[in-house]
Amino acid sequence: MEQTIYIKDNFFSTGVTDIYDQNQNVVGSLDLKSIFLTKVSVLNAEGIEIIQGRFQSAFSNKWLVLNAEEKQLGRLQTPFFTMKKKYSYLSANGKEYRIHSLAFSKDYQVTDMASGQVVADFKRVSSYFLTAAYELQNHSNNISTEELIGVVMGVNAIQKRKAAASNSGGAH
């Protein structure tokens, strides 16, 4: 079942930001636990945590996606010293996904490596009801929209960590 959601851009601060569907209904929220985006929680419409995302360790470029019981659902990673916008996500059920974007593009595709099928797309957008947001379209029943939100936030966190490392003149 295809689903499109929007995550309001509040990534420069901590706190809770809403997740909307295409009809502007609040369907959940994102709790940013740290200004450095080291941990996030995806909450359902009732405010119950269903997904967590965090770095594997303080200096790692691996992002873990966990369920509410902290069982690992998957791991997102990218080569640290590459400028390419290319990531891999290995789910706990053994499925591997490639997340990639062309140079100078803000549009990403999530592809199932086994089938070659595009299972999701996400991009940064502006719209009439949100000043800036991520738009996520889930095209698959094999990976939940909530898990994909964890992956999107991981891509964002890894990009911020890489930018901070390059701006400070070093790498982790």
N, C-alpha and C. Protein backbone atom coordinates (compact mmCIF):
# COMPACT_ATOMS: atom_id res chain seq x y z
N MET A 1 0.83 -1.18 0.00
CA MET A 1 0.00 0.00 0.00
C MET A 1 0.88 1.25 0.00
N GLU A 2 0.67 2.11 -0.94
CA GLU A 2 1.46 3.33 -1.04
C GLU A 2 1.02 4.34 0.01
N GLN A 3 2.00 4.98 0.64
CA GLN A 3 1.72 5.98 1.66
C GLN A 3 2.70 7.13 1.49
N THR A 4 2.19 8.36 1.58
CA THR A 4 3.02 9.55 1.52
C THR A 4 2.87 10.30 2.83
N ILE A 5 4.01 10.66 3.43
CA ILE A 5 3.98 11.44 4.68
C ILE A 5 4.98 12.59 4.56
N TYR A 6 4.79 13.58 5.44
CA TYR A 6 5.65 14.75 5.49
C TYR A 6 6.15 14.91 6.91
N ILE A 7 7.46 15.10 7.04
CA ILE A 7 8.08 15.32 8.34
C ILE A 7 8.54 16.77 8.36
N LYS A 8 7.96 17.57 9.25
CA LYS A 8 8.34 18.98 9.33
C LYS A 8 9.81 19.10 9.67
N ASP A 9 10.46 20.07 9.04
CA ASP A 9 11.88 20.30 9.26
C ASP A 9 12.09 21.13 10.52
N ASN A 10 12.53 20.47 11.55
CA ASN A 10 12.86 21.11 12.82
C ASN A 10 14.20 20.55 13.28
N PHE A 11 15.06 20.24 12.34
CA PHE A 11 16.26 19.45 12.62
C PHE A 11 17.38 20.24 13.28
N PHE A 12 17.21 21.54 13.49
CA PHE A 12 18.26 22.31 14.12
C PHE A 12 18.01 22.51 15.61
N SER A 13 16.99 21.85 16.14
CA SER A 13 16.71 21.97 17.56
C SER A 13 16.18 20.66 18.09
N THR A 14 16.03 20.60 19.39
CA THR A 14 15.46 19.41 20.00
C THR A 14 13.96 19.61 20.16
N GLY A 15 13.28 18.53 20.49
CA GLY A 15 11.85 18.62 20.73
C GLY A 15 11.05 17.79 19.75
N VAL A 16 9.75 17.98 19.80
CA VAL A 16 8.82 17.18 19.02
C VAL A 16 8.35 17.97 17.80
N THR A 17 8.32 17.31 16.65
CA THR A 17 7.79 17.90 15.43
C THR A 17 6.79 16.92 14.82
N ASP A 18 5.77 17.43 14.17
CA ASP A 18 4.69 16.58 13.67
C ASP A 18 5.04 15.89 12.36
N ILE A 19 4.39 14.74 12.16
CA ILE A 19 4.42 14.00 10.90
C ILE A 19 3.00 14.05 10.35
N TYR A 20 2.86 14.46 9.07
CA TYR A 20 1.56 14.63 8.43
C TYR A 20 1.39 13.65 7.28
N ASP A 21 0.13 13.35 6.96
CA ASP A 21 -0.15 12.64 5.72
C ASP A 21 -0.42 13.68 4.63
N GLN A 22 -0.73 13.22 3.42
CA GLN A 22 -0.93 14.14 2.30
C GLN A 22 -2.17 15.01 2.46
N ASN A 23 -3.06 14.66 3.40
CA ASN A 23 -4.26 15.46 3.67
C ASN A 23 -4.08 16.41 4.85
N GLN A 24 -2.85 16.59 5.28
CA GLN A 24 -2.48 17.48 6.39
C GLN A 24 -2.95 16.98 7.74
N ASN A 25 -3.29 15.70 7.86
CA ASN A 25 -3.65 15.11 9.15
C ASN A 25 -2.38 14.70 9.88
N VAL A 26 -2.32 15.00 11.17
CA VAL A 26 -1.17 14.56 11.97
C VAL A 26 -1.30 13.06 12.19
N VAL A 27 -0.29 12.31 11.76
CA VAL A 27 -0.32 10.85 11.88
C VAL A 27 0.72 10.33 12.87
N GLY A 28 1.52 11.24 13.42
CA GLY A 28 2.55 10.86 14.38
C GLY A 28 3.45 12.04 14.63
N SER A 29 4.55 11.78 15.28
CA SER A 29 5.51 12.85 15.54
C SER A 29 6.92 12.28 15.64
N LEU A 30 7.86 13.18 15.57
CA LEU A 30 9.27 12.85 15.64
C LEU A 30 9.83 13.58 16.85
N ASP A 31 10.44 12.86 17.76
CA ASP A 31 11.03 13.44 18.96
C ASP A 31 12.54 13.47 18.78
N LEU A 32 13.09 14.68 18.64
CA LEU A 32 14.52 14.85 18.46
C LEU A 32 15.15 14.97 19.84
N LYS A 33 15.93 13.97 20.21
CA LYS A 33 16.47 13.89 21.56
C LYS A 33 17.72 14.74 21.77
N SER A 34 18.37 15.15 20.67
CA SER A 34 19.62 15.89 20.80
C SER A 34 19.74 16.87 19.66
N ILE A 35 20.31 18.03 19.95
CA ILE A 35 20.53 19.03 18.90
C ILE A 35 21.49 18.51 17.85
N PHE A 36 22.34 17.55 18.21
CA PHE A 36 23.29 16.99 17.26
C PHE A 36 22.71 15.78 16.54
N LEU A 37 21.41 15.53 16.71
CA LEU A 37 20.69 14.47 16.02
C LEU A 37 21.33 13.11 16.26
N THR A 38 21.69 12.83 17.51
CA THR A 38 22.28 11.54 17.81
C THR A 38 21.24 10.51 18.19
N LYS A 39 20.00 10.94 18.46
CA LYS A 39 18.93 10.01 18.76
C LYS A 39 17.59 10.64 18.41
N VAL A 40 16.74 9.86 17.75
CA VAL A 40 15.38 10.31 17.43
C VAL A 40 14.41 9.19 17.77
N SER A 41 13.18 9.57 18.04
CA SER A 41 12.11 8.59 18.26
C SER A 41 10.95 8.95 17.34
N VAL A 42 10.37 7.93 16.73
CA VAL A 42 9.16 8.09 15.93
C VAL A 42 8.00 7.67 16.82
N LEU A 43 7.03 8.57 17.00
CA LEU A 43 5.88 8.31 17.85
C LEU A 43 4.64 8.18 16.98
N ASN A 44 3.74 7.29 17.37
CA ASN A 44 2.48 7.16 16.62
C ASN A 44 1.54 8.31 17.01
N ALA A 45 0.34 8.32 16.46
CA ALA A 45 -0.61 9.41 16.71
C ALA A 45 -0.99 9.54 18.18
N GLU A 46 -0.87 8.45 18.94
CA GLU A 46 -1.18 8.48 20.37
C GLU A 46 0.02 8.89 21.21
N GLY A 47 1.16 9.17 20.59
CA GLY A 47 2.35 9.59 21.32
C GLY A 47 3.19 8.45 21.84
N ILE A 48 2.94 7.24 21.40
CA ILE A 48 3.69 6.07 21.85
C ILE A 48 4.87 5.84 20.91
N GLU A 49 6.06 5.67 21.50
CA GLU A 49 7.26 5.43 20.70
C GLU A 49 7.17 4.08 20.00
N ILE A 50 7.41 4.09 18.68
CA ILE A 50 7.38 2.84 17.92
C ILE A 50 8.70 2.54 17.24
N ILE A 51 9.50 3.57 16.97
CA ILE A 51 10.80 3.40 16.31
C ILE A 51 11.79 4.35 16.97
N GLN A 52 13.05 3.90 17.09
CA GLN A 52 14.15 4.74 17.53
C GLN A 52 15.22 4.73 16.45
N GLY A 53 15.99 5.79 16.39
CA GLY A 53 17.16 5.82 15.53
C GLY A 53 18.29 6.46 16.30
N ARG A 54 19.50 5.91 16.14
CA ARG A 54 20.67 6.48 16.83
C ARG A 54 21.94 5.95 16.19
N PHE A 55 23.04 6.68 16.43
CA PHE A 55 24.33 6.20 15.97
C PHE A 55 24.74 4.99 16.81
N GLN A 56 25.46 4.07 16.17
CA GLN A 56 25.92 2.86 16.86
C GLN A 56 26.83 3.21 18.02
N SER A 57 27.69 4.21 17.84
CA SER A 57 28.56 4.70 18.91
C SER A 57 28.85 6.17 18.66
N ALA A 58 29.54 6.79 19.58
CA ALA A 58 29.77 8.24 19.50
C ALA A 58 30.51 8.66 18.24
N PHE A 59 31.41 7.84 17.73
CA PHE A 59 32.21 8.24 16.57
C PHE A 59 31.93 7.39 15.34
N SER A 60 30.83 6.69 15.35
CA SER A 60 30.48 5.80 14.25
C SER A 60 29.69 6.54 13.17
N ASN A 61 29.80 6.06 11.93
CA ASN A 61 28.94 6.58 10.87
C ASN A 61 27.87 5.54 10.54
N LYS A 62 27.61 4.64 11.47
CA LYS A 62 26.55 3.64 11.31
C LYS A 62 25.36 4.05 12.17
N TRP A 63 24.19 4.06 11.54
CA TRP A 63 22.94 4.49 12.19
C TRP A 63 22.07 3.27 12.40
N LEU A 64 21.62 3.05 13.62
CA LEU A 64 20.77 1.91 13.94
C LEU A 64 19.31 2.35 13.98
N VAL A 65 18.45 1.50 13.44
CA VAL A 65 17.00 1.69 13.53
C VAL A 65 16.49 0.56 14.41
N LEU A 66 15.79 0.94 15.50
CA LEU A 66 15.34 -0.02 16.51
C LEU A 66 13.85 0.11 16.72
N ASN A 67 13.23 -0.96 17.21
CA ASN A 67 11.81 -0.85 17.57
C ASN A 67 11.71 -0.31 18.99
N ALA A 68 10.50 -0.21 19.52
CA ALA A 68 10.28 0.37 20.85
C ALA A 68 10.95 -0.43 21.96
N GLU A 69 11.14 -1.73 21.73
CA GLU A 69 11.81 -2.59 22.72
C GLU A 69 13.33 -2.59 22.53
N GLU A 70 13.82 -1.70 21.67
CA GLU A 70 15.24 -1.55 21.34
C GLU A 70 15.83 -2.76 20.63
N LYS A 71 14.98 -3.53 19.95
CA LYS A 71 15.45 -4.61 19.08
C LYS A 71 15.82 -3.99 17.74
N GLN A 72 17.01 -4.31 17.26
CA GLN A 72 17.49 -3.71 16.01
C GLN A 72 16.67 -4.19 14.83
N LEU A 73 16.15 -3.22 14.07
CA LEU A 73 15.42 -3.51 12.83
C LEU A 73 16.33 -3.45 11.62
N GLY A 74 17.41 -2.66 11.74
CA GLY A 74 18.34 -2.53 10.63
C GLY A 74 19.46 -1.56 10.94
N ARG A 75 20.44 -1.54 10.01
CA ARG A 75 21.61 -0.66 10.17
C ARG A 75 21.87 0.06 8.85
N LEU A 76 21.99 1.38 8.94
CA LEU A 76 22.29 2.24 7.80
C LEU A 76 23.75 2.64 7.87
N GLN A 77 24.43 2.59 6.72
CA GLN A 77 25.82 3.02 6.72
C GLN A 77 26.21 3.55 5.35
N THR A 78 27.32 4.26 5.35
CA THR A 78 27.91 4.80 4.12
C THR A 78 29.40 4.85 4.32
N PRO A 79 30.17 4.75 3.25
CA PRO A 79 31.61 4.97 3.40
C PRO A 79 31.84 6.39 3.91
N PHE A 80 32.65 6.57 4.95
CA PHE A 80 32.80 7.87 5.59
C PHE A 80 33.54 8.87 4.71
N PHE A 81 34.50 8.42 3.93
CA PHE A 81 35.34 9.34 3.17
C PHE A 81 34.90 9.49 1.72
N THR A 82 33.65 9.28 1.44
CA THR A 82 33.15 9.47 0.08
C THR A 82 32.26 10.70 0.03
N MET A 83 32.25 11.37 -1.09
CA MET A 83 31.37 12.52 -1.27
C MET A 83 30.05 12.11 -1.92
N LYS A 84 29.95 10.85 -2.34
CA LYS A 84 28.73 10.38 -2.99
C LYS A 84 27.61 10.24 -1.97
N LYS A 85 26.40 10.48 -2.43
CA LYS A 85 25.22 10.33 -1.57
C LYS A 85 24.66 8.93 -1.79
N LYS A 86 25.36 7.98 -1.18
CA LYS A 86 25.03 6.57 -1.37
C LYS A 86 25.12 5.88 -0.01
N TYR A 87 24.07 5.15 0.33
CA TYR A 87 23.98 4.49 1.63
C TYR A 87 23.47 3.07 1.41
N SER A 88 23.72 2.22 2.39
CA SER A 88 23.11 0.89 2.36
C SER A 88 22.41 0.67 3.69
N TYR A 89 21.28 0.00 3.62
CA TYR A 89 20.49 -0.32 4.81
C TYR A 89 20.26 -1.82 4.81
N LEU A 90 20.77 -2.48 5.84
CA LEU A 90 20.59 -3.92 5.99
C LEU A 90 19.57 -4.15 7.09
N SER A 91 18.43 -4.71 6.72
CA SER A 91 17.37 -4.95 7.70
C SER A 91 17.64 -6.24 8.46
N ALA A 92 17.04 -6.36 9.62
CA ALA A 92 17.23 -7.54 10.46
C ALA A 92 16.72 -8.81 9.78
N ASN A 93 15.79 -8.67 8.84
CA ASN A 93 15.27 -9.85 8.14
C ASN A 93 16.14 -10.24 6.94
N GLY A 94 17.30 -9.58 6.80
CA GLY A 94 18.25 -9.95 5.76
C GLY A 94 18.12 -9.18 4.46
N LYS A 95 17.08 -8.37 4.31
CA LYS A 95 16.93 -7.59 3.08
C LYS A 95 17.92 -6.42 3.09
N GLU A 96 18.51 -6.19 1.93
CA GLU A 96 19.43 -5.06 1.80
C GLU A 96 18.83 -4.04 0.84
N TYR A 97 18.93 -2.79 1.23
CA TYR A 97 18.40 -1.68 0.45
C TYR A 97 19.53 -0.70 0.14
N ARG A 98 19.48 -0.13 -1.05
CA ARG A 98 20.42 0.91 -1.43
C ARG A 98 19.66 2.23 -1.43
N ILE A 99 20.24 3.23 -0.79
CA ILE A 99 19.67 4.57 -0.77
C ILE A 99 20.65 5.45 -1.52
N HIS A 100 20.18 6.11 -2.56
CA HIS A 100 21.11 6.92 -3.35
C HIS A 100 20.42 8.15 -3.93
N SER A 101 21.26 9.12 -4.24
CA SER A 101 20.82 10.36 -4.86
C SER A 101 21.88 10.78 -5.85
N LEU A 102 21.46 11.37 -6.93
CA LEU A 102 22.41 11.91 -7.89
C LEU A 102 23.09 13.14 -7.31
N ALA A 103 24.27 13.45 -7.80
CA ALA A 103 24.98 14.64 -7.34
C ALA A 103 24.09 15.87 -7.54
N PHE A 104 24.11 16.77 -6.59
CA PHE A 104 23.37 18.03 -6.61
C PHE A 104 21.86 17.86 -6.53
N SER A 105 21.39 16.66 -6.26
CA SER A 105 19.96 16.41 -6.13
C SER A 105 19.60 16.22 -4.67
N LYS A 106 18.38 16.57 -4.31
CA LYS A 106 17.88 16.33 -2.96
C LYS A 106 16.84 15.23 -2.96
N ASP A 107 16.71 14.54 -4.09
CA ASP A 107 15.78 13.42 -4.23
C ASP A 107 16.54 12.11 -4.05
N TYR A 108 16.00 11.23 -3.22
CA TYR A 108 16.62 9.93 -2.95
C TYR A 108 15.67 8.81 -3.34
N GLN A 109 16.25 7.68 -3.74
CA GLN A 109 15.48 6.47 -3.98
C GLN A 109 16.00 5.38 -3.05
N VAL A 110 15.07 4.57 -2.56
CA VAL A 110 15.41 3.39 -1.75
C VAL A 110 15.06 2.18 -2.61
N THR A 111 16.08 1.38 -2.93
CA THR A 111 15.92 0.25 -3.84
C THR A 111 16.21 -1.05 -3.12
N ASP A 112 15.33 -2.03 -3.29
CA ASP A 112 15.55 -3.39 -2.78
C ASP A 112 16.63 -4.01 -3.65
N MET A 113 17.77 -4.38 -3.05
CA MET A 113 18.90 -4.89 -3.83
C MET A 113 18.60 -6.23 -4.49
N ALA A 114 17.77 -7.06 -3.88
CA ALA A 114 17.47 -8.38 -4.45
C ALA A 114 16.58 -8.27 -5.68
N SER A 115 15.56 -7.44 -5.61
CA SER A 115 14.60 -7.36 -6.72
C SER A 115 14.87 -6.21 -7.68
N GLY A 116 15.64 -5.21 -7.23
CA GLY A 116 15.86 -4.02 -8.04
C GLY A 116 14.70 -3.05 -8.01
N GLN A 117 13.67 -3.37 -7.23
CA GLN A 117 12.46 -2.54 -7.14
C GLN A 117 12.68 -1.33 -6.24
N VAL A 118 12.21 -0.16 -6.69
CA VAL A 118 12.23 1.04 -5.85
C VAL A 118 11.11 0.90 -4.84
N VAL A 119 11.46 0.85 -3.55
CA VAL A 119 10.45 0.65 -2.50
C VAL A 119 10.02 1.97 -1.86
N ALA A 120 10.84 3.02 -2.02
CA ALA A 120 10.50 4.31 -1.43
C ALA A 120 11.29 5.42 -2.11
N ASP A 121 10.77 6.63 -1.99
CA ASP A 121 11.46 7.85 -2.42
C ASP A 121 11.33 8.85 -1.29
N PHE A 122 12.34 9.69 -1.12
CA PHE A 122 12.18 10.81 -0.20
C PHE A 122 12.96 12.00 -0.72
N LYS A 123 12.46 13.18 -0.36
CA LYS A 123 13.09 14.42 -0.81
C LYS A 123 12.71 15.55 0.12
N ARG A 124 13.49 16.60 0.05
CA ARG A 124 13.19 17.82 0.79
C ARG A 124 12.25 18.65 -0.06
N VAL A 125 11.17 19.11 0.54
CA VAL A 125 10.15 19.87 -0.20
C VAL A 125 9.73 21.10 0.57
N SER A 126 9.11 22.02 -0.13
CA SER A 126 8.37 23.12 0.47
C SER A 126 6.95 23.01 -0.07
N SER A 127 6.00 23.33 0.76
CA SER A 127 4.61 23.25 0.31
C SER A 127 3.79 24.33 0.98
N TYR A 128 2.53 24.38 0.62
CA TYR A 128 1.67 25.44 1.15
C TYR A 128 1.38 25.28 2.64
N PHE A 129 1.47 24.06 3.18
CA PHE A 129 1.17 23.92 4.61
C PHE A 129 2.41 23.69 5.46
N LEU A 130 3.54 23.49 4.84
CA LEU A 130 4.80 23.35 5.57
C LEU A 130 5.85 24.21 4.90
N THR A 131 6.60 24.96 5.67
CA THR A 131 7.64 25.78 5.07
C THR A 131 8.75 24.92 4.49
N ALA A 132 9.15 23.90 5.20
CA ALA A 132 10.14 22.95 4.69
C ALA A 132 9.88 21.61 5.37
N ALA A 133 10.06 20.55 4.62
CA ALA A 133 9.78 19.23 5.16
C ALA A 133 10.46 18.17 4.30
N TYR A 134 10.50 16.96 4.83
CA TYR A 134 10.84 15.80 4.01
C TYR A 134 9.53 15.16 3.58
N GLU A 135 9.46 14.83 2.31
CA GLU A 135 8.34 14.05 1.78
C GLU A 135 8.85 12.63 1.59
N LEU A 136 8.16 11.68 2.18
CA LEU A 136 8.52 10.27 2.07
C LEU A 136 7.37 9.52 1.45
N GLN A 137 7.66 8.80 0.37
CA GLN A 137 6.65 7.96 -0.28
C GLN A 137 7.10 6.51 -0.15
N ASN A 138 6.29 5.73 0.56
CA ASN A 138 6.56 4.30 0.71
C ASN A 138 5.73 3.55 -0.32
N HIS A 139 6.40 2.81 -1.20
CA HIS A 139 5.72 2.07 -2.26
C HIS A 139 5.62 0.58 -1.95
N SER A 140 6.02 0.16 -0.75
CA SER A 140 6.19 -1.27 -0.47
C SER A 140 5.45 -1.69 0.79
N ASN A 141 5.08 -2.96 0.83
CA ASN A 141 4.55 -3.56 2.06
C ASN A 141 5.64 -4.28 2.84
N ASN A 142 6.86 -4.33 2.28
CA ASN A 142 7.95 -5.09 2.90
C ASN A 142 8.71 -4.31 3.96
N ILE A 143 8.58 -3.01 3.98
CA ILE A 143 9.24 -2.18 4.98
C ILE A 143 8.24 -1.10 5.41
N SER A 144 8.10 -0.93 6.71
CA SER A 144 7.08 0.00 7.21
C SER A 144 7.50 1.45 6.99
N THR A 145 6.52 2.31 6.90
CA THR A 145 6.78 3.74 6.77
C THR A 145 7.54 4.25 7.98
N GLU A 146 7.21 3.75 9.16
CA GLU A 146 7.89 4.17 10.38
C GLU A 146 9.37 3.79 10.35
N GLU A 147 9.68 2.58 9.87
CA GLU A 147 11.08 2.17 9.75
C GLU A 147 11.80 3.06 8.73
N LEU A 148 11.11 3.38 7.63
CA LEU A 148 11.71 4.27 6.62
C LEU A 148 11.96 5.67 7.19
N ILE A 149 11.11 6.15 8.08
CA ILE A 149 11.36 7.44 8.73
C ILE A 149 12.68 7.36 9.49
N GLY A 150 12.90 6.25 10.19
CA GLY A 150 14.17 6.04 10.88
C GLY A 150 15.35 6.07 9.93
N VAL A 151 15.19 5.50 8.75
CA VAL A 151 16.24 5.50 7.73
C VAL A 151 16.49 6.93 7.22
N VAL A 152 15.42 7.66 6.90
CA VAL A 152 15.55 9.04 6.42
C VAL A 152 16.28 9.89 7.45
N MET A 153 15.90 9.75 8.72
CA MET A 153 16.56 10.53 9.77
C MET A 153 18.02 10.12 9.91
N GLY A 154 18.31 8.84 9.64
CA GLY A 154 19.70 8.38 9.65
C GLY A 154 20.52 9.01 8.55
N VAL A 155 19.96 9.08 7.34
CA VAL A 155 20.65 9.75 6.23
C VAL A 155 20.94 11.19 6.61
N ASN A 156 19.94 11.87 7.17
CA ASN A 156 20.10 13.26 7.60
C ASN A 156 21.19 13.38 8.66
N ALA A 157 21.20 12.47 9.64
CA ALA A 157 22.18 12.52 10.72
C ALA A 157 23.60 12.26 10.20
N ILE A 158 23.75 11.29 9.31
CA ILE A 158 25.07 10.99 8.75
C ILE A 158 25.57 12.18 7.94
N GLN A 159 24.70 12.80 7.15
CA GLN A 159 25.10 13.98 6.38
C GLN A 159 25.56 15.11 7.29
N LYS A 160 24.83 15.34 8.37
CA LYS A 160 25.21 16.39 9.32
C LYS A 160 26.54 16.07 9.99
N ARG A 161 26.76 14.81 10.34
CA ARG A 161 28.01 14.40 10.98
C ARG A 161 29.17 14.58 10.01
N LYS A 162 28.99 14.19 8.76
CA LYS A 162 30.05 14.37 7.75
C LYS A 162 30.35 15.85 7.53
N ALA A 163 29.32 16.67 7.45
CA ALA A 163 29.51 18.11 7.25
C ALA A 163 30.26 18.72 8.42
N ALA A 164 29.91 18.33 9.64
CA ALA A 164 30.59 18.84 10.83
C ALA A 164 32.05 18.42 10.83
N ALA A 165 32.33 17.18 10.43
CA ALA A 165 33.71 16.70 10.39
C ALA A 165 34.52 17.45 9.34
N SER A 166 33.93 17.69 8.17
CA SER A 166 34.67 18.40 7.12
C SER A 166 34.86 19.87 7.47
N ASN A 167 33.89 20.46 8.16
CA ASN A 167 34.01 21.86 8.57
C ASN A 167 35.03 22.06 9.68
N SER A 168 35.25 21.01 10.48
CA SER A 168 36.22 21.12 11.57
C SER A 168 37.62 20.72 11.11
N GLY A 169 37.73 20.31 9.84
CA GLY A 169 39.04 19.96 9.30
C GLY A 169 39.46 18.54 9.57
N GLY A 170 38.57 17.72 10.09
CA GLY A 170 38.93 16.34 10.39
C GLY A 170 37.76 15.44 10.17
N ALA A 171 37.99 14.19 10.46
CA ALA A 171 36.93 13.18 10.33
C ALA A 171 36.94 12.33 11.57
N HIS A 172 35.82 11.72 11.83
CA HIS A 172 35.71 10.82 12.99
C HIS A 172 36.30 9.49 12.64
